[in-house]
Amino acid sequence: VPPPLPSWGLMIAEAKDYMFFSPWVIMIPGVALFVL
């Protein structure tokens, strides 16, 4: 899905650079995808 559409996969991709300093930005869409 092209940005800026908020696909969960795109949200995870955009958050990977911040996962060590703000891990919740990659955990929230990841958990949502897992639960769905």
Full PDB file with SEQRES, HELIX, SHEET, SSBOND, CRYST1, ORIGX, SCALE, CONECT and MASTER records, all heavy atoms in Angstrom:
SEQRES   1 A   36  VAL PRO PRO PRO LEU PRO SER TRP GLY LEU MET ILE ALA          
SEQRES   2 A   36  GLU ALA LYS ASP TYR MET PHE PHE SER PRO TRP VAL ILE          
SEQRES   3 A   36  MET ILE PRO GLY VAL ALA LEU PHE VAL LEU                      
HELIX    1 AA1 TRP A    8  ALA A   15  1                                   8    
HELIX    2 AA2 LYS A   16  TYR A   18  5                                   3    
HELIX    3 AA3 TRP A   24  VAL A   35  1                                  12    
CRYST1    1.000    1.000    1.000  90.00  90.00  90.00 P 1           1          
ORIGX1      1.000000  0.000000  0.000000        0.00000                         
ORIGX2      0.000000  1.000000  0.000000        0.00000                         
ORIGX3      0.000000  0.000000  1.000000        0.00000                         
SCALE1      1.000000  0.000000  0.000000        0.00000                         
SCALE2      0.000000  1.000000  0.000000        0.00000                         
SCALE3      0.000000  0.000000  1.000000        0.00000                         
ATOM      1  N   VAL A   1       0.848  -1.192   0.000  1.00  0.00           N  
ATOM      2  CA  VAL A   1       0.000   0.000   0.000  1.00  0.00           C  
ATOM      3  C   VAL A   1       0.880   1.238   0.000  1.00  0.00           C  
ATOM      4  O   VAL A   1       1.773   1.368   0.840  1.00  0.00           O  
ATOM      5  CB  VAL A   1      -0.927  -0.005   1.230  1.00  0.00           C  
ATOM      6  CG1 VAL A   1      -1.724   1.276   1.305  1.00  0.00           C  
ATOM      7  CG2 VAL A   1      -1.866  -1.208   1.167  1.00  0.00           C  
ATOM      8  N   PRO A   2       0.679   2.160  -0.930  1.00  0.00           N  
ATOM      9  CA  PRO A   2       1.554   3.344  -0.996  1.00  0.00           C  
ATOM     10  C   PRO A   2       1.284   4.290   0.172  1.00  0.00           C  
ATOM     11  O   PRO A   2       0.143   4.475   0.581  1.00  0.00           O  
ATOM     12  CB  PRO A   2       1.173   3.991  -2.327  1.00  0.00           C  
ATOM     13  CG  PRO A   2      -0.237   3.538  -2.588  1.00  0.00           C  
ATOM     14  CD  PRO A   2      -0.340   2.160  -2.002  1.00  0.00           C  
ATOM     15  N   PRO A   3       2.354   4.892   0.730  1.00  0.00           N  
ATOM     16  CA  PRO A   3       2.154   5.886   1.778  1.00  0.00           C  
ATOM     17  C   PRO A   3       1.472   7.126   1.190  1.00  0.00           C  
ATOM     18  O   PRO A   3       1.546   7.357  -0.021  1.00  0.00           O  
ATOM     19  CB  PRO A   3       3.594   6.198   2.232  1.00  0.00           C  
ATOM     20  CG  PRO A   3       4.459   5.790   1.080  1.00  0.00           C  
ATOM     21  CD  PRO A   3       3.746   4.666   0.388  1.00  0.00           C  
ATOM     22  N   PRO A   4       0.772   7.904   2.018  1.00  0.00           N  
ATOM     23  CA  PRO A   4       0.731   7.848   3.485  1.00  0.00           C  
ATOM     24  C   PRO A   4      -0.374   6.973   4.063  1.00  0.00           C  
ATOM     25  O   PRO A   4      -0.706   7.114   5.229  1.00  0.00           O  
ATOM     26  CB  PRO A   4       0.481   9.312   3.847  1.00  0.00           C  
ATOM     27  CG  PRO A   4      -0.411   9.809   2.746  1.00  0.00           C  
ATOM     28  CD  PRO A   4       0.077   9.112   1.495  1.00  0.00           C  
ATOM     29  N   LEU A   5      -0.991   6.089   3.247  1.00  0.00           N  
ATOM     30  CA  LEU A   5      -2.020   5.204   3.787  1.00  0.00           C  
ATOM     31  C   LEU A   5      -1.439   4.374   4.929  1.00  0.00           C  
ATOM     32  O   LEU A   5      -0.368   3.786   4.779  1.00  0.00           O  
ATOM     33  CB  LEU A   5      -2.556   4.284   2.695  1.00  0.00           C  
ATOM     34  CG  LEU A   5      -3.400   4.952   1.604  1.00  0.00           C  
ATOM     35  CD1 LEU A   5      -3.778   3.930   0.544  1.00  0.00           C  
ATOM     36  CD2 LEU A   5      -4.647   5.585   2.197  1.00  0.00           C  
ATOM     37  N   PRO A   6      -2.123   4.297   6.062  1.00  0.00           N  
ATOM     38  CA  PRO A   6      -1.548   3.641   7.256  1.00  0.00           C  
ATOM     39  C   PRO A   6      -1.756   2.137   7.272  1.00  0.00           C  
ATOM     40  O   PRO A   6      -2.473   1.591   8.113  1.00  0.00           O  
ATOM     41  CB  PRO A   6      -2.296   4.319   8.405  1.00  0.00           C  
ATOM     42  CG  PRO A   6      -3.620   4.680   7.819  1.00  0.00           C  
ATOM     43  CD  PRO A   6      -3.382   4.993   6.370  1.00  0.00           C  
ATOM     44  N   SER A   7      -1.149   1.427   6.347  1.00  0.00           N  
ATOM     45  CA  SER A   7      -1.157  -0.034   6.412  1.00  0.00           C  
ATOM     46  C   SER A   7      -0.336  -0.484   7.612  1.00  0.00           C  
ATOM     47  O   SER A   7       0.681   0.120   7.944  1.00  0.00           O  
ATOM     48  CB  SER A   7      -0.574  -0.611   5.120  1.00  0.00           C  
ATOM     49  OG  SER A   7      -0.170  -1.945   5.296  1.00  0.00           O  
ATOM     50  N   TRP A   8      -0.765  -1.571   8.255  1.00  0.00           N  
ATOM     51  CA  TRP A   8      -0.019  -2.064   9.420  1.00  0.00           C  
ATOM     52  C   TRP A   8       1.376  -2.501   9.026  1.00  0.00           C  
ATOM     53  O   TRP A   8       2.329  -2.287   9.774  1.00  0.00           O  
ATOM     54  CB  TRP A   8      -0.790  -3.220  10.064  1.00  0.00           C  
ATOM     55  CG  TRP A   8      -2.003  -2.752  10.804  1.00  0.00           C  
ATOM     56  CD1 TRP A   8      -2.311  -1.468  11.138  1.00  0.00           C  
ATOM     57  CD2 TRP A   8      -3.069  -3.563  11.312  1.00  0.00           C  
ATOM     58  NE1 TRP A   8      -3.511  -1.414  11.805  1.00  0.00           N  
ATOM     59  CE2 TRP A   8      -4.003  -2.684  11.928  1.00  0.00           C  
ATOM     60  CE3 TRP A   8      -3.339  -4.918  11.298  1.00  0.00           C  
ATOM     61  CZ2 TRP A   8      -5.159  -3.142  12.527  1.00  0.00           C  
ATOM     62  CZ3 TRP A   8      -4.497  -5.377  11.896  1.00  0.00           C  
ATOM     63  CH2 TRP A   8      -5.396  -4.502  12.504  1.00  0.00           C  
ATOM     64  N   GLY A   9       1.530  -3.114   7.858  1.00  0.00           N  
ATOM     65  CA  GLY A   9       2.865  -3.483   7.399  1.00  0.00           C  
ATOM     66  C   GLY A   9       3.736  -2.267   7.163  1.00  0.00           C  
ATOM     67  O   GLY A   9       4.932  -2.253   7.503  1.00  0.00           O  
ATOM     68  N   LEU A  10       3.159  -1.209   6.608  1.00  0.00           N  
ATOM     69  CA  LEU A  10       3.906   0.022   6.378  1.00  0.00           C  
ATOM     70  C   LEU A  10       4.252   0.697   7.700  1.00  0.00           C  
ATOM     71  O   LEU A  10       5.349   1.259   7.857  1.00  0.00           O  
ATOM     72  CB  LEU A  10       3.096   0.970   5.501  1.00  0.00           C  
ATOM     73  CG  LEU A  10       3.772   2.278   5.097  1.00  0.00           C  
ATOM     74  CD1 LEU A  10       5.054   2.015   4.333  1.00  0.00           C  
ATOM     75  CD2 LEU A  10       2.819   3.140   4.276  1.00  0.00           C  
ATOM     76  N   MET A  11       3.344   0.637   8.674  1.00  0.00           N  
ATOM     77  CA  MET A  11       3.630   1.205   9.994  1.00  0.00           C  
ATOM     78  C   MET A  11       4.810   0.484  10.646  1.00  0.00           C  
ATOM     79  O   MET A  11       5.668   1.113  11.270  1.00  0.00           O  
ATOM     80  CB  MET A  11       2.383   1.115  10.884  1.00  0.00           C  
ATOM     81  CG  MET A  11       1.239   2.025  10.452  1.00  0.00           C  
ATOM     82  SD  MET A  11      -0.297   1.729  11.372  1.00  0.00           S  
ATOM     83  CE  MET A  11       0.184   2.283  13.003  1.00  0.00           C  
ATOM     84  N   ILE A  12       4.859  -0.836  10.487  1.00  0.00           N  
ATOM     85  CA  ILE A  12       5.990  -1.592  11.036  1.00  0.00           C  
ATOM     86  C   ILE A  12       7.279  -1.214  10.323  1.00  0.00           C  
ATOM     87  O   ILE A  12       8.336  -1.057  10.953  1.00  0.00           O  
ATOM     88  CB  ILE A  12       5.710  -3.102  10.915  1.00  0.00           C  
ATOM     89  CG1 ILE A  12       4.517  -3.497  11.798  1.00  0.00           C  
ATOM     90  CG2 ILE A  12       6.935  -3.917  11.303  1.00  0.00           C  
ATOM     91  CD1 ILE A  12       4.071  -4.939  11.623  1.00  0.00           C  
ATOM     92  N   ALA A  13       7.206  -1.058   8.996  1.00  0.00           N  
ATOM     93  CA  ALA A  13       8.399  -0.691   8.230  1.00  0.00           C  
ATOM     94  C   ALA A  13       8.910   0.686   8.632  1.00  0.00           C  
ATOM     95  O   ALA A  13      10.129   0.899   8.774  1.00  0.00           O  
ATOM     96  CB  ALA A  13       8.089  -0.732   6.736  1.00  0.00           C  
ATOM     97  N   GLU A  14       8.009   1.636   8.815  1.00  0.00           N  
ATOM     98  CA  GLU A  14       8.411   2.987   9.187  1.00  0.00           C  
ATOM     99  C   GLU A  14       8.957   3.045  10.611  1.00  0.00           C  
ATOM    100  O   GLU A  14       9.748   3.933  10.936  1.00  0.00           O  
ATOM    101  CB  GLU A  14       7.222   3.949   9.055  1.00  0.00           C  
ATOM    102  CG  GLU A  14       6.757   4.168   7.627  1.00  0.00           C  
ATOM    103  CD  GLU A  14       5.505   5.023   7.543  1.00  0.00           C  
ATOM    104  OE1 GLU A  14       4.801   5.144   8.565  1.00  0.00           O  
ATOM    105  OE2 GLU A  14       5.214   5.550   6.458  1.00  0.00           O  
ATOM    106  N   ALA A  15       8.544   2.091  11.451  1.00  0.00           N  
ATOM    107  CA  ALA A  15       8.952   2.121  12.856  1.00  0.00           C  
ATOM    108  C   ALA A  15      10.233   1.359  13.131  1.00  0.00           C  
ATOM    109  O   ALA A  15      10.772   1.446  14.238  1.00  0.00           O  
ATOM    110  CB  ALA A  15       7.824   1.548  13.724  1.00  0.00           C  
ATOM    111  N   LYS A  16      10.750   0.621  12.155  1.00  0.00           N  
ATOM    112  CA  LYS A  16      11.905  -0.246  12.432  1.00  0.00           C  
ATOM    113  C   LYS A  16      13.147   0.561  12.813  1.00  0.00           C  
ATOM    114  O   LYS A  16      14.022   0.055  13.530  1.00  0.00           O  
ATOM    115  CB  LYS A  16      12.191  -1.138  11.241  1.00  0.00           C  
ATOM    116  CG  LYS A  16      12.656  -0.463   9.987  1.00  0.00           C  
ATOM    117  CD  LYS A  16      12.904  -1.483   8.882  1.00  0.00           C  
ATOM    118  CE  LYS A  16      13.460  -0.852   7.609  1.00  0.00           C  
ATOM    119  NZ  LYS A  16      12.480   0.088   7.005  1.00  0.00           N  
ATOM    120  N   ASP A  17      13.253   1.805  12.358  1.00  0.00           N  
ATOM    121  CA  ASP A  17      14.414   2.632  12.712  1.00  0.00           C  
ATOM    122  C   ASP A  17      14.346   3.156  14.144  1.00  0.00           C  
ATOM    123  O   ASP A  17      15.343   3.663  14.663  1.00  0.00           O  
ATOM    124  CB  ASP A  17      14.531   3.823  11.757  1.00  0.00           C  
ATOM    125  CG  ASP A  17      14.834   3.394  10.329  1.00  0.00           C  
ATOM    126  OD1 ASP A  17      15.450   2.319  10.163  1.00  0.00           O  
ATOM    127  OD2 ASP A  17      14.444   4.109   9.388  1.00  0.00           O  
ATOM    128  N   TYR A  18      13.188   3.019  14.782  1.00  0.00           N  
ATOM    129  CA  TYR A  18      12.999   3.553  16.134  1.00  0.00           C  
ATOM    130  C   TYR A  18      12.720   2.451  17.150  1.00  0.00           C  
ATOM    131  O   TYR A  18      12.379   2.744  18.299  1.00  0.00           O  
ATOM    132  CB  TYR A  18      11.826   4.551  16.146  1.00  0.00           C  
ATOM    133  CG  TYR A  18      11.969   5.657  15.130  1.00  0.00           C  
ATOM    134  CD1 TYR A  18      11.447   5.523  13.848  1.00  0.00           C  
ATOM    135  CD2 TYR A  18      12.632   6.836  15.441  1.00  0.00           C  
ATOM    136  CE1 TYR A  18      11.579   6.535  12.901  1.00  0.00           C  
ATOM    137  CE2 TYR A  18      12.765   7.860  14.505  1.00  0.00           C  
ATOM    138  CZ  TYR A  18      12.236   7.695  13.243  1.00  0.00           C  
ATOM    139  OH  TYR A  18      12.378   8.713  12.315  1.00  0.00           O  
ATOM    140  N   MET A  19      12.840   1.194  16.739  1.00  0.00           N  
ATOM    141  CA  MET A  19      12.417   0.088  17.589  1.00  0.00           C  
ATOM    142  C   MET A  19      13.260  -0.042  18.862  1.00  0.00           C  
ATOM    143  O   MET A  19      12.778  -0.563  19.862  1.00  0.00           O  
ATOM    144  CB  MET A  19      12.447  -1.221  16.805  1.00  0.00           C  
ATOM    145  CG  MET A  19      13.807  -1.616  16.270  1.00  0.00           C  
ATOM    146  SD  MET A  19      13.747  -3.134  15.260  1.00  0.00           S  
ATOM    147  CE  MET A  19      13.167  -4.303  16.483  1.00  0.00           C  
ATOM    148  N   PHE A  20      14.515   0.409  18.865  1.00  0.00           N  
ATOM    149  CA  PHE A  20      15.351   0.287  20.052  1.00  0.00           C  
ATOM    150  C   PHE A  20      15.135   1.441  21.029  1.00  0.00           C  
ATOM    151  O   PHE A  20      15.377   1.294  22.233  1.00  0.00           O  
ATOM    152  CB  PHE A  20      16.827   0.226  19.653  1.00  0.00           C  
ATOM    153  CG  PHE A  20      17.173  -0.990  18.850  1.00  0.00           C  
ATOM    154  CD1 PHE A  20      17.477  -0.894  17.502  1.00  0.00           C  
ATOM    155  CD2 PHE A  20      17.177  -2.254  19.433  1.00  0.00           C  
ATOM    156  CE1 PHE A  20      17.789  -2.018  16.756  1.00  0.00           C  
ATOM    157  CE2 PHE A  20      17.489  -3.378  18.690  1.00  0.00           C  
ATOM    158  CZ  PHE A  20      17.799  -3.256  17.351  1.00  0.00           C  
ATOM    159  N   PHE A  21      14.659   2.566  20.530  1.00  0.00           N  
ATOM    160  CA  PHE A  21      14.450   3.733  21.395  1.00  0.00           C  
ATOM    161  C   PHE A  21      12.974   3.918  21.749  1.00  0.00           C  
ATOM    162  O   PHE A  21      12.651   4.389  22.835  1.00  0.00           O  
ATOM    163  CB  PHE A  21      14.976   4.996  20.694  1.00  0.00           C  
ATOM    164  CG  PHE A  21      16.393   4.868  20.217  1.00  0.00           C  
ATOM    165  CD1 PHE A  21      16.673   4.590  18.893  1.00  0.00           C  
ATOM    166  CD2 PHE A  21      17.457   4.985  21.104  1.00  0.00           C  
ATOM    167  CE1 PHE A  21      17.976   4.454  18.441  1.00  0.00           C  
ATOM    168  CE2 PHE A  21      18.764   4.855  20.671  1.00  0.00           C  
ATOM    169  CZ  PHE A  21      19.031   4.586  19.339  1.00  0.00           C  
ATOM    170  N   SER A  22      12.088   3.553  20.837  1.00  0.00           N  
ATOM    171  CA  SER A  22      10.645   3.626  21.078  1.00  0.00           C  
ATOM    172  C   SER A  22      10.013   2.321  20.592  1.00  0.00           C  
ATOM    173  O   SER A  22       9.375   2.276  19.536  1.00  0.00           O  
ATOM    174  CB  SER A  22      10.035   4.824  20.339  1.00  0.00           C  
ATOM    175  OG  SER A  22      10.653   6.034  20.720  1.00  0.00           O  
ATOM    176  N   PRO A  23      10.223   1.237  21.322  1.00  0.00           N  
ATOM    177  CA  PRO A  23       9.794  -0.082  20.826  1.00  0.00           C  
ATOM    178  C   PRO A  23       8.300  -0.204  20.615  1.00  0.00           C  
ATOM    179  O   PRO A  23       7.863  -1.041  19.828  1.00  0.00           O  
ATOM    180  CB  PRO A  23      10.288  -1.044  21.920  1.00  0.00           C  
ATOM    181  CG  PRO A  23      10.453  -0.202  23.136  1.00  0.00           C  
ATOM    182  CD  PRO A  23      10.851   1.157  22.654  1.00  0.00           C  
ATOM    183  N   TRP A  24       7.514   0.605  21.268  1.00  0.00           N  
ATOM    184  CA  TRP A  24       6.061   0.484  21.140  1.00  0.00           C  
ATOM    185  C   TRP A  24       5.574   0.844  19.732  1.00  0.00           C  
ATOM    186  O   TRP A  24       4.495   0.407  19.312  1.00  0.00           O  
ATOM    187  CB  TRP A  24       5.369   1.371  22.169  1.00  0.00           C  
ATOM    188  CG  TRP A  24       5.869   2.788  22.204  1.00  0.00           C  
ATOM    189  CD1 TRP A  24       6.859   3.285  22.989  1.00  0.00           C  
ATOM    190  CD2 TRP A  24       5.424   3.871  21.393  1.00  0.00           C  
ATOM    191  NE1 TRP A  24       7.069   4.609  22.717  1.00  0.00           N  
ATOM    192  CE2 TRP A  24       6.194   5.001  21.752  1.00  0.00           C  
ATOM    193  CE3 TRP A  24       4.441   4.002  20.422  1.00  0.00           C  
ATOM    194  CZ2 TRP A  24       6.021   6.234  21.158  1.00  0.00           C  
ATOM    195  CZ3 TRP A  24       4.267   5.235  19.823  1.00  0.00           C  
ATOM    196  CH2 TRP A  24       5.046   6.334  20.190  1.00  0.00           C  
ATOM    197  N   VAL A  25       6.364   1.637  18.968  1.00  0.00           N  
ATOM    198  CA  VAL A  25       5.905   2.022  17.633  1.00  0.00           C  
ATOM    199  C   VAL A  25       5.884   0.829  16.672  1.00  0.00           C  
ATOM    200  O   VAL A  25       5.146   0.835  15.685  1.00  0.00           O  
ATOM    201  CB  VAL A  25       6.789   3.156  17.051  1.00  0.00           C  
ATOM    202  CG1 VAL A  25       6.638   4.425  17.852  1.00  0.00           C  
ATOM    203  CG2 VAL A  25       8.241   2.739  16.952  1.00  0.00           C  
ATOM    204  N   ILE A  26       6.676  -0.180  16.966  1.00  0.00           N  
ATOM    205  CA  ILE A  26       6.650  -1.383  16.138  1.00  0.00           C  
ATOM    206  C   ILE A  26       5.842  -2.502  16.797  1.00  0.00           C  
ATOM    207  O   ILE A  26       5.296  -3.372  16.121  1.00  0.00           O  
ATOM    208  CB  ILE A  26       8.095  -1.858  15.839  1.00  0.00           C  
ATOM    209  CG1 ILE A  26       8.118  -2.791  14.630  1.00  0.00           C  
ATOM    210  CG2 ILE A  26       8.711  -2.563  17.046  1.00  0.00           C  
ATOM    211  CD1 ILE A  26       9.524  -3.101  14.137  1.00  0.00           C  
ATOM    212  N   MET A  27       5.706  -2.453  18.116  1.00  0.00           N  
ATOM    213  CA  MET A  27       4.946  -3.485  18.820  1.00  0.00           C  
ATOM    214  C   MET A  27       3.446  -3.334  18.598  1.00  0.00           C  
ATOM    215  O   MET A  27       2.742  -4.332  18.424  1.00  0.00           O  
ATOM    216  CB  MET A  27       5.262  -3.439  20.314  1.00  0.00           C  
ATOM    217  CG  MET A  27       6.664  -3.895  20.675  1.00  0.00           C  
ATOM    218  SD  MET A  27       7.015  -3.647  22.435  1.00  0.00           S  
ATOM    219  CE  MET A  27       5.677  -4.578  23.176  1.00  0.00           C  
ATOM    220  N   ILE A  28       2.934  -2.102  18.586  1.00  0.00           N  
ATOM    221  CA  ILE A  28       1.484  -1.897  18.487  1.00  0.00           C  
ATOM    222  C   ILE A  28       0.929  -2.421  17.169  1.00  0.00           C  
ATOM    223  O   ILE A  28      -0.006  -3.246  17.179  1.00  0.00           O  
ATOM    224  CB  ILE A  28       1.145  -0.410  18.711  1.00  0.00           C  
ATOM    225  CG1 ILE A  28       1.398  -0.025  20.167  1.00  0.00           C  
ATOM    226  CG2 ILE A  28      -0.310  -0.126  18.329  1.00  0.00           C  
ATOM    227  CD1 ILE A  28       1.192   1.447  20.467  1.00  0.00           C  
ATOM    228  N   PRO A  29       1.441  -2.014  16.005  1.00  0.00           N  
ATOM    229  CA  PRO A  29       0.894  -2.591  14.768  1.00  0.00           C  
ATOM    230  C   PRO A  29       1.216  -4.073  14.617  1.00  0.00           C  
ATOM    231  O   PRO A  29       0.430  -4.824  14.032  1.00  0.00           O  
ATOM    232  CB  PRO A  29       1.553  -1.753  13.666  1.00  0.00           C  
ATOM    233  CG  PRO A  29       2.783  -1.190  14.288  1.00  0.00           C  
ATOM    234  CD  PRO A  29       2.446  -0.974  15.723  1.00  0.00           C  
ATOM    235  N   GLY A  30       2.363  -4.520  15.158  1.00  0.00           N  
ATOM    236  CA  GLY A  30       2.692  -5.939  15.088  1.00  0.00           C  
ATOM    237  C   GLY A  30       1.714  -6.787  15.878  1.00  0.00           C  
ATOM    238  O   GLY A  30       1.255  -7.831  15.399  1.00  0.00           O  
ATOM    239  N   VAL A  31       1.381  -6.354  17.083  1.00  0.00           N  
ATOM    240  CA  VAL A  31       0.413  -7.087  17.906  1.00  0.00           C  
ATOM    241  C   VAL A  31      -0.972  -7.043  17.266  1.00  0.00           C  
ATOM    242  O   VAL A  31      -1.698  -8.046  17.269  1.00  0.00           O  
ATOM    243  CB  VAL A  31       0.380  -6.501  19.335  1.00  0.00           C  
ATOM    244  CG1 VAL A  31      -0.786  -7.071  20.127  1.00  0.00           C  
ATOM    245  CG2 VAL A  31       1.697  -6.781  20.049  1.00  0.00           C  
ATOM    246  N   ALA A  32      -1.352  -5.887  16.708  1.00  0.00           N  
ATOM    247  CA  ALA A  32      -2.655  -5.780  16.043  1.00  0.00           C  
ATOM    248  C   ALA A  32      -2.756  -6.753  14.872  1.00  0.00           C  
ATOM    249  O   ALA A  32      -3.781  -7.431  14.695  1.00  0.00           O  
ATOM    250  CB  ALA A  32      -2.876  -4.348  15.568  1.00  0.00           C  
ATOM    251  N   LEU A  33      -1.699  -6.849  14.080  1.00  0.00           N  
ATOM    252  CA  LEU A  33      -1.686  -7.778  12.949  1.00  0.00           C  
ATOM    253  C   LEU A  33      -1.775  -9.220  13.436  1.00  0.00           C  
ATOM    254  O   LEU A  33      -2.531 -10.032  12.883  1.00  0.00           O  
ATOM    255  CB  LEU A  33      -0.415  -7.557  12.132  1.00  0.00           C  
ATOM    256  CG  LEU A  33      -0.236  -8.405  10.873  1.00  0.00           C  
ATOM    257  CD1 LEU A  33      -1.334  -8.089   9.861  1.00  0.00           C  
ATOM    258  CD2 LEU A  33       1.141  -8.155  10.254  1.00  0.00           C  
ATOM    259  N   PHE A  34      -1.023  -9.539  14.475  1.00  0.00           N  
ATOM    260  CA  PHE A  34      -1.052 -10.891  15.042  1.00  0.00           C  
ATOM    261  C   PHE A  34      -2.441 -11.250  15.556  1.00  0.00           C  
ATOM    262  O   PHE A  34      -2.960 -12.341  15.282  1.00  0.00           O  
ATOM    263  CB  PHE A  34      -0.025 -10.993  16.170  1.00  0.00           C  
ATOM    264  CG  PHE A  34      -0.191 -12.198  17.057  1.00  0.00           C  
ATOM    265  CD1 PHE A  34       0.195 -13.453  16.635  1.00  0.00           C  
ATOM    266  CD2 PHE A  34      -0.768 -12.066  18.311  1.00  0.00           C  
ATOM    267  CE1 PHE A  34       0.023 -14.560  17.443  1.00  0.00           C  
ATOM    268  CE2 PHE A  34      -0.936 -13.163  19.135  1.00  0.00           C  
ATOM    269  CZ  PHE A  34      -0.547 -14.417  18.701  1.00  0.00           C  
ATOM    270  N   VAL A  35      -3.063 -10.343  16.296  1.00  0.00           N  
ATOM    271  CA  VAL A  35      -4.375 -10.622  16.881  1.00  0.00           C  
ATOM    272  C   VAL A  35      -5.431 -10.796  15.796  1.00  0.00           C  
ATOM    273  O   VAL A  35      -6.272 -11.707  15.869  1.00  0.00           O  
ATOM    274  CB  VAL A  35      -4.771  -9.495  17.855  1.00  0.00           C  
ATOM    275  CG1 VAL A  35      -6.228  -9.641  18.301  1.00  0.00           C  
ATOM    276  CG2 VAL A  35      -3.856  -9.495  19.069  1.00  0.00           C  
ATOM    277  N   LEU A  36      -5.403  -9.945  14.768  1.00  0.00           N  
ATOM    278  CA  LEU A  36      -6.401 -10.056  13.709  1.00  0.00           C  
ATOM    279  C   LEU A  36      -6.266 -11.384  12.956  1.00  0.00           C  
ATOM    280  O   LEU A  36      -7.267 -12.082  12.734  1.00  0.00           O  
ATOM    281  CB  LEU A  36      -6.259  -8.886  12.737  1.00  0.00           C  
ATOM    282  CG  LEU A  36      -7.206  -8.905  11.529  1.00  0.00           C  
ATOM    283  CD1 LEU A  36      -8.662  -8.972  11.972  1.00  0.00           C  
ATOM    284  CD2 LEU A  36      -6.971  -7.697  10.632  1.00  0.00           C  
TER     285      LEU A  36                                                      
MASTER        0    0    0    3    0    0    0    6  284    1    0    3          
END                                                                             
